[in-house]
């Protein structure tokens, strides 16, 4: 955070309610990216590409943004100390790292492109400092501590400073990286409506399933209807921000194709463009139905016999095999929106 980076002050950060439950902090060298808002994705990848240090990965930058602001650009996320924007820069720190990276004529910590590229620049510089410092330990931990508490504090203590906030900051970011990582299998090539939809869907891998949750704008909390949305006997959907299967499909195609909300309605809206299983292409919608013929599940075909789907309560959006995603006998067919 910029205020601590210059002055060693501690600033209240927004807590990620799920960050302690995922990942171990030991991995994170992969260059894939998942589970981030679409408007952040290209800038995170660009920031990563511009940094020569392998320790700075898309997943690390995404986890850091999530810890700083939950990817928020709302003015209400300005900290009491004056840190601004999705990467929480203080004005004085912004003067050092901020640029008009999105070329809209203004350099602003509230602009996604400007903020993320500045964050990447600062983290890249801190990583270089950590490598040349002679201080032992995980380079990522040292760089993150420098971002939060200031590099001077890292040098003073020869490692992560003994500040509760800084130690929590480093721990939460490294432990939550896993949910922002994507495997090379998710690289989507080509163009067109289907490829673009799949690319958008794959960017949400790792997002929780939430019955009734999700909209064309992104993940939302869902609801329980007496049968669905429950986990271990309790209503999970009402406090889980995520997608269900059909909202993921709707979100992925919106606004180029404005699909209806439910899987059954989506099949009805696209049934005039059926696709045989042998002819499936990335982005095609695949459907499953129960014995009465009612559609109960939809997913996006990802190529090579795989799909991207929001499976069920308690699980996350995932890349999985088409053949085993749902009961084989329930496979209903596929369409091309």
Protein backbone atom coordinates (compact mmCIF):
# COMPACT_ATOMS: atom_id res chain seq x y z
CA UNK A 1 0.00 0.00 0.00
CA UNK A 2 1.36 3.38 -1.00
CA UNK A 3 1.02 5.11 2.37
CA UNK A 4 3.11 2.49 4.09
CA UNK A 5 5.52 2.28 1.20
CA UNK A 6 6.67 5.84 1.86
CA UNK A 7 5.97 6.52 5.50
CA UNK A 8 5.69 3.15 7.23
CA UNK A 9 2.16 3.94 8.30
CA UNK A 10 -0.39 1.20 8.71
CA UNK A 11 -3.59 1.51 6.75
CA UNK A 12 -6.76 -0.44 7.23
CA UNK A 13 -7.24 -2.79 4.30
CA UNK A 14 -10.35 -4.53 3.12
CA UNK A 15 -10.35 -8.17 4.23
CA UNK A 16 -11.02 -11.01 1.82
CA UNK A 17 -13.43 -13.27 3.64
CA UNK A 18 -12.37 -16.32 1.67
CA UNK A 19 -8.64 -15.72 1.37
CA UNK A 20 -7.56 -17.82 4.36
CA UNK A 21 -9.19 -20.96 3.02
CA UNK A 22 -7.39 -21.41 -0.28
CA UNK A 23 -3.84 -22.13 -1.27
CA UNK A 24 -0.72 -22.78 0.75
CA UNK A 25 1.55 -19.94 -0.24
CA UNK A 26 4.18 -22.35 -1.53
CA UNK A 27 3.25 -22.31 -5.19
CA UNK A 28 2.52 -19.45 -7.54
CA UNK A 29 5.02 -19.47 -10.37
CA UNK A 30 2.42 -20.20 -13.03
CA UNK A 31 1.58 -17.49 -15.53
CA UNK A 32 -2.08 -18.37 -16.05
CA UNK A 33 -4.83 -16.16 -14.66
CA UNK A 34 -8.39 -16.89 -13.53
CA UNK A 35 -11.11 -15.51 -11.31
CA UNK A 36 -10.58 -11.79 -11.96
CA UNK A 37 -13.02 -9.21 -13.34
CA UNK A 38 -12.78 -8.92 -17.12
CA UNK A 39 -11.69 -5.28 -17.03
CA UNK A 40 -8.66 -6.17 -14.87
CA UNK A 41 -7.46 -9.21 -16.80
CA UNK A 42 -5.58 -7.58 -19.72
CA UNK A 43 -3.86 -5.08 -17.44
CA UNK A 44 -2.70 -7.73 -14.98
CA UNK A 45 -1.28 -9.77 -17.84
CA UNK A 46 0.40 -6.67 -19.28
CA UNK A 47 1.90 -5.74 -15.91
CA UNK A 48 3.27 -9.25 -15.56
CA UNK A 49 4.73 -9.21 -19.08
CA UNK A 50 6.51 -5.91 -18.42
CA UNK A 51 8.33 -7.29 -15.36
CA UNK A 52 11.48 -9.38 -15.89
CA UNK A 53 11.26 -11.06 -12.49
CA UNK A 54 9.52 -14.46 -12.50
CA UNK A 55 8.38 -13.96 -8.91
CA UNK A 56 5.89 -11.34 -10.13
CA UNK A 57 3.11 -13.45 -11.62
CA UNK A 58 -0.46 -12.67 -12.71
CA UNK A 59 -1.80 -14.65 -9.75
CA UNK A 60 0.34 -12.68 -7.30
CA UNK A 61 -0.81 -9.33 -8.71
CA UNK A 62 -4.45 -10.50 -8.72
CA UNK A 63 -4.28 -11.73 -5.13
CA UNK A 64 -2.73 -8.43 -4.11
CA UNK A 65 -5.47 -6.42 -5.82
CA UNK A 66 -8.08 -8.61 -4.16
CA UNK A 67 -6.49 -7.96 -0.76
CA UNK A 68 -6.20 -4.23 -1.38
CA UNK A 69 -9.69 -3.48 -2.67
CA UNK A 70 -11.54 -6.58 -3.92
CA UNK A 71 -10.94 -5.16 -7.43
CA UNK A 72 -13.12 -2.19 -6.57
CA UNK A 73 -13.01 1.16 -8.36
CA UNK A 74 -15.67 2.70 -6.13
CA UNK A 75 -14.66 5.90 -4.40
CA UNK A 76 -15.91 4.43 -1.12
CA UNK A 77 -12.81 2.19 -1.08
CA UNK A 78 -10.57 5.17 -0.31
CA UNK A 79 -8.89 4.37 3.01
CA UNK A 80 -9.09 6.63 6.07
CA UNK A 81 -5.44 7.56 5.40
CA UNK A 82 -6.21 8.58 1.81
CA UNK A 83 -5.07 5.53 -0.18
CA UNK A 84 -7.02 5.44 -3.44
CA UNK A 85 -8.10 3.08 -6.18
CA UNK A 86 -7.96 -0.67 -6.72
CA UNK A 87 -4.25 -0.82 -5.82
CA UNK A 88 -4.65 1.64 -2.89
CA UNK A 89 -2.02 4.24 -3.75
CA UNK A 90 -1.33 7.27 -1.59
CA UNK A 91 -1.03 10.49 -3.65
CA UNK A 92 2.68 10.80 -2.91
CA UNK A 93 3.35 7.20 -3.93
CA UNK A 94 1.24 7.69 -7.04
CA UNK A 95 3.46 10.59 -8.02
CA UNK A 96 6.33 8.10 -8.22
CA UNK A 97 4.66 5.17 -9.94
CA UNK A 98 1.56 6.51 -11.67
CA UNK A 99 1.38 6.91 -15.45
CA UNK A 100 -1.38 7.35 -18.02
CA UNK A 101 -1.04 3.69 -18.99
CA UNK A 102 -4.49 3.44 -20.54
CA UNK A 103 -3.82 6.56 -22.67
CA UNK A 104 -7.10 8.25 -21.80
CA UNK A 105 -5.38 11.57 -21.15
CA UNK A 106 -5.37 11.29 -17.34
CA UNK A 107 -3.10 9.53 -14.87
CA UNK A 108 -5.42 8.33 -12.11
CA UNK A 109 -5.17 5.68 -9.35
CA UNK A 110 -8.90 5.08 -9.96
CA UNK A 111 -8.35 4.00 -13.59
CA UNK A 112 -7.94 0.21 -13.75
CA UNK A 113 -5.17 0.30 -16.35
CA UNK A 114 -3.22 3.06 -14.68
CA UNK A 115 -3.51 1.48 -11.22
CA UNK A 116 -2.60 -2.07 -12.22
CA UNK A 117 0.40 -1.09 -14.33
CA UNK A 118 1.65 1.15 -11.50
CA UNK A 119 1.16 -1.69 -9.04
CA UNK A 120 3.12 -4.01 -11.33
CA UNK A 121 5.93 -1.47 -11.74
CA UNK A 122 6.23 -0.97 -8.01
CA UNK A 123 6.14 -4.69 -7.25
CA UNK A 124 8.73 -5.35 -9.97
CA UNK A 125 11.04 -2.72 -8.49
CA UNK A 126 10.59 -4.10 -4.97
CA UNK A 127 11.29 -7.61 -6.23
CA UNK A 128 14.54 -6.40 -7.73
CA UNK A 129 15.45 -4.71 -4.46
CA UNK A 130 14.67 -7.90 -2.55
CA UNK A 131 16.89 -9.97 -4.84
CA UNK A 132 19.85 -7.64 -4.50
CA UNK A 133 19.42 -6.96 -0.79
CA UNK A 134 21.07 -10.08 0.54
CA UNK A 135 18.10 -10.62 2.85
CA UNK A 136 17.20 -14.30 2.98
CA UNK A 137 13.67 -15.63 2.55
CA UNK A 138 10.89 -15.80 -0.05
CA UNK A 139 11.44 -12.91 -2.47
CA UNK A 140 7.68 -12.49 -2.89
CA UNK A 141 7.23 -12.08 0.87
CA UNK A 142 9.89 -9.39 0.99
CA UNK A 143 8.44 -7.49 -2.00
CA UNK A 144 4.90 -7.62 -0.61
CA UNK A 145 6.13 -6.45 2.78
CA UNK A 146 7.88 -3.56 1.05
CA UNK A 147 4.65 -2.62 -0.75
CA UNK A 148 2.74 -2.59 2.53
CA UNK A 149 5.22 -1.36 5.11
CA UNK A 150 7.88 0.35 3.01
CA UNK A 151 11.23 -1.08 1.90
CA UNK A 152 12.97 0.74 4.72
CA UNK A 153 11.08 -1.38 7.25
CA UNK A 154 12.09 -4.57 5.42
CA UNK A 155 15.75 -3.53 5.55
CA UNK A 156 15.49 -2.52 9.19
CA UNK A 157 14.16 -5.92 10.27
CA UNK A 158 16.03 -7.96 7.62
CA UNK A 159 12.76 -9.52 6.54
CA UNK A 160 9.01 -9.07 6.92
CA UNK A 161 8.55 -6.47 9.67
CA UNK A 162 6.88 -7.63 12.90
CA UNK A 163 3.79 -5.53 12.20
CA UNK A 164 0.58 -7.52 12.54
CA UNK A 165 -0.98 -5.84 9.51
CA UNK A 166 2.03 -6.43 7.28
CA UNK A 167 2.39 -10.06 8.33
CA UNK A 168 -1.32 -10.65 7.70
CA UNK A 169 -1.07 -8.81 4.37
CA UNK A 170 1.73 -11.06 3.14
CA UNK A 171 0.14 -14.25 4.45
CA UNK A 172 -3.30 -13.57 2.97
CA UNK A 173 -1.97 -12.68 -0.48
CA UNK A 174 0.29 -15.71 -0.78
CA UNK A 175 -2.36 -18.06 0.59
CA UNK A 176 -5.02 -16.78 -1.83
CA UNK A 177 -2.92 -16.91 -5.01
CA UNK A 178 -4.11 -20.41 -5.90
CA UNK A 179 -7.63 -19.32 -6.74
CA UNK A 180 -6.30 -16.85 -9.32
CA UNK A 181 -4.05 -19.34 -11.09
CA UNK A 182 -5.00 -21.04 -14.34
CA UNK A 183 -3.35 -23.91 -16.16
CA UNK A 184 -2.05 -23.65 -19.73
CA UNK A 185 -5.08 -25.73 -20.77
CA UNK A 186 -7.13 -22.54 -20.47
CA UNK A 187 -5.33 -20.59 -23.15
CA UNK A 188 -8.07 -19.72 -25.64
CA UNK A 189 -6.99 -19.02 -29.19
CA UNK A 190 -9.00 -17.65 -32.07
CA UNK A 191 -11.65 -14.98 -32.26
CA UNK A 192 -15.37 -14.75 -32.67
CA UNK A 193 -18.34 -14.81 -30.33
CA UNK A 194 -17.77 -18.34 -29.04
CA UNK A 195 -14.04 -17.91 -28.40
CA UNK A 196 -14.63 -14.59 -26.68
CA UNK A 197 -17.31 -16.11 -24.45
CA UNK A 198 -15.04 -19.00 -23.50
CA UNK A 199 -12.21 -16.60 -22.78
CA UNK A 200 -14.50 -14.62 -20.49
CA UNK A 201 -15.77 -17.79 -18.76
CA UNK A 202 -12.26 -19.14 -18.22
CA UNK A 203 -11.36 -15.90 -16.49
CA UNK A 204 -13.89 -16.83 -13.81
CA UNK A 205 -12.43 -20.22 -12.95
CA UNK A 206 -12.12 -20.41 -9.19
CA UNK A 207 -15.21 -18.25 -8.58
CA UNK A 208 -17.59 -19.97 -6.13
CA UNK A 209 -20.87 -21.57 -7.21
CA UNK A 210 -23.89 -19.72 -5.85
CA UNK A 211 -27.41 -20.96 -6.63
CA UNK A 212 -29.34 -18.06 -8.17
CA UNK A 213 -26.22 -15.90 -8.09
CA UNK A 214 -24.54 -14.13 -10.98
CA UNK A 215 -25.65 -11.61 -13.58
CA UNK A 216 -24.44 -10.22 -16.91
CA UNK A 217 -22.27 -7.86 -14.87
CA UNK A 218 -20.52 -10.54 -12.80
CA UNK A 219 -20.87 -12.69 -9.68
CA UNK A 220 -23.47 -11.87 -7.02
CA UNK A 221 -24.98 -13.53 -3.98
CA UNK A 222 -27.69 -16.08 -4.66
CA UNK A 223 -30.61 -17.51 -2.71
CA UNK A 224 -32.02 -20.79 -1.41
CA UNK A 225 -35.35 -22.10 -2.67
CA UNK A 226 -36.08 -24.88 -0.21
CA UNK A 227 -34.09 -27.43 -2.19
CA UNK A 228 -31.12 -25.72 -3.82
CA UNK A 229 -28.41 -23.48 -2.44
CA UNK A 230 -27.74 -25.36 0.78
CA UNK A 231 -24.45 -26.70 2.12
CA UNK A 232 -24.31 -28.90 5.22
CA UNK A 233 -27.91 -28.03 6.00
CA UNK A 234 -27.39 -24.27 5.89
CA UNK A 235 -28.21 -21.74 3.17
CA UNK A 236 -24.87 -21.10 1.51
CA UNK A 237 -26.04 -19.22 -1.56
CA UNK A 238 -27.37 -16.19 0.30
CA UNK A 239 -23.88 -15.23 1.47
CA UNK A 240 -21.77 -16.65 -1.39
CA UNK A 241 -20.81 -14.30 -4.22
CA UNK A 242 -20.60 -16.35 -7.39
CA UNK A 243 -22.36 -17.88 -10.39
CA UNK A 244 -24.65 -20.79 -11.05
CA UNK A 245 -24.35 -22.70 -14.31
CA UNK A 246 -26.69 -20.58 -16.41
CA UNK A 247 -25.60 -17.20 -15.06
CA UNK A 248 -22.02 -18.11 -15.98
CA UNK A 249 -23.15 -18.81 -19.55
CA UNK A 250 -25.20 -15.61 -19.64
CA UNK A 251 -22.31 -13.52 -18.27
CA UNK A 252 -19.83 -15.06 -20.71
CA UNK A 253 -21.85 -14.24 -23.82
CA UNK A 254 -23.16 -10.85 -22.70
CA UNK A 255 -23.59 -8.37 -24.36
CA UNK A 256 -22.77 -9.83 -27.79
CA UNK A 257 -25.43 -12.49 -27.29
CA UNK A 258 -28.03 -11.71 -24.63
CA UNK A 259 -28.93 -15.17 -23.40
CA UNK A 260 -31.91 -15.63 -21.06
CA UNK A 261 -31.27 -16.46 -17.41
CA UNK A 262 -31.98 -20.19 -16.96
CA UNK A 263 -30.40 -23.24 -18.60
CA UNK A 264 -33.75 -24.43 -19.95
CA UNK A 265 -34.49 -21.01 -21.48
CA UNK A 266 -30.97 -20.82 -22.92
CA UNK A 267 -31.48 -24.13 -24.69
CA UNK A 268 -34.80 -22.94 -26.03
CA UNK A 269 -33.27 -19.69 -27.28
CA UNK A 270 -30.43 -21.42 -29.13
CA UNK A 271 -31.98 -24.78 -30.13
CA UNK A 272 -32.28 -23.66 -33.74
CA UNK A 273 -28.47 -23.92 -33.98
CA UNK A 274 -27.78 -27.49 -32.81
CA UNK A 275 -24.26 -28.91 -32.83
CA UNK A 276 -23.33 -32.60 -32.93
CA UNK A 277 -20.86 -33.70 -30.26
CA UNK A 278 -18.24 -34.48 -32.91
CA UNK A 279 -18.52 -30.92 -34.27
CA UNK A 280 -18.21 -29.02 -30.98
CA UNK A 281 -16.20 -25.83 -31.05
CA UNK A 282 -14.88 -23.67 -28.17
CA UNK A 283 -17.70 -21.62 -26.67
CA UNK A 284 -20.55 -23.92 -27.75
CA UNK A 285 -23.17 -24.46 -25.05
CA UNK A 286 -23.61 -28.04 -23.85
CA UNK A 287 -26.72 -29.14 -21.95
CA UNK A 288 -27.88 -31.94 -19.65
CA UNK A 289 -31.51 -32.88 -18.91
CA UNK A 290 -33.41 -35.10 -16.50
CA UNK A 291 -35.72 -37.95 -17.47
CA UNK A 292 -38.61 -35.61 -18.19
CA UNK A 293 -36.47 -33.76 -20.71
CA UNK A 294 -36.13 -30.62 -18.60
CA UNK A 295 -32.71 -28.99 -18.94
CA UNK A 296 -30.95 -28.78 -15.58
CA UNK A 297 -27.35 -27.86 -16.47
CA UNK A 298 -25.38 -25.87 -19.04
CA UNK A 299 -21.66 -25.38 -19.62
CA UNK A 300 -19.31 -23.93 -22.24
CA UNK A 301 -17.27 -26.30 -24.38
CA UNK A 302 -13.55 -25.54 -23.99
CA UNK A 303 -12.06 -27.81 -26.65
CA UNK A 304 -10.17 -31.10 -26.33
CA UNK A 305 -13.09 -32.81 -24.62
CA UNK A 306 -13.28 -30.28 -21.76
CA UNK A 307 -15.82 -27.77 -20.52
CA UNK A 308 -15.92 -24.74 -18.25
CA UNK A 309 -18.79 -25.06 -15.81
CA UNK A 310 -20.22 -23.87 -12.51
CA UNK A 311 -21.03 -27.34 -11.12
CA UNK A 312 -22.91 -27.15 -7.80
CA UNK A 313 -23.06 -25.63 -4.32
CA UNK A 314 -19.80 -26.06 -2.47
CA UNK A 315 -17.71 -26.12 -5.64
CA UNK A 316 -16.09 -23.46 -7.84
CA UNK A 317 -16.21 -22.65 -11.54
CA UNK A 318 -13.88 -25.21 -13.07
CA UNK A 319 -12.34 -26.72 -16.17
CA UNK A 320 -13.28 -30.39 -16.34
CA UNK A 321 -13.95 -33.26 -18.73
CA UNK A 322 -17.20 -33.17 -20.69
CA UNK A 323 -17.58 -36.93 -20.36
CA UNK A 324 -17.60 -36.94 -16.55
CA UNK A 325 -18.99 -33.50 -15.67
CA UNK A 326 -22.56 -34.84 -15.32
CA UNK A 327 -24.09 -38.30 -15.76
CA UNK A 328 -23.37 -39.40 -19.33
CA UNK A 329 -26.96 -40.56 -19.84
CA UNK A 330 -28.20 -37.02 -19.10
CA UNK A 331 -26.30 -35.40 -21.97
CA UNK A 332 -28.97 -33.59 -23.98
CA UNK A 333 -27.04 -31.88 -26.75
CA UNK A 334 -25.22 -28.71 -27.71
CA UNK A 335 -25.99 -25.42 -29.45
CA UNK A 336 -24.02 -22.55 -30.93
CA UNK A 337 -25.41 -19.13 -29.87
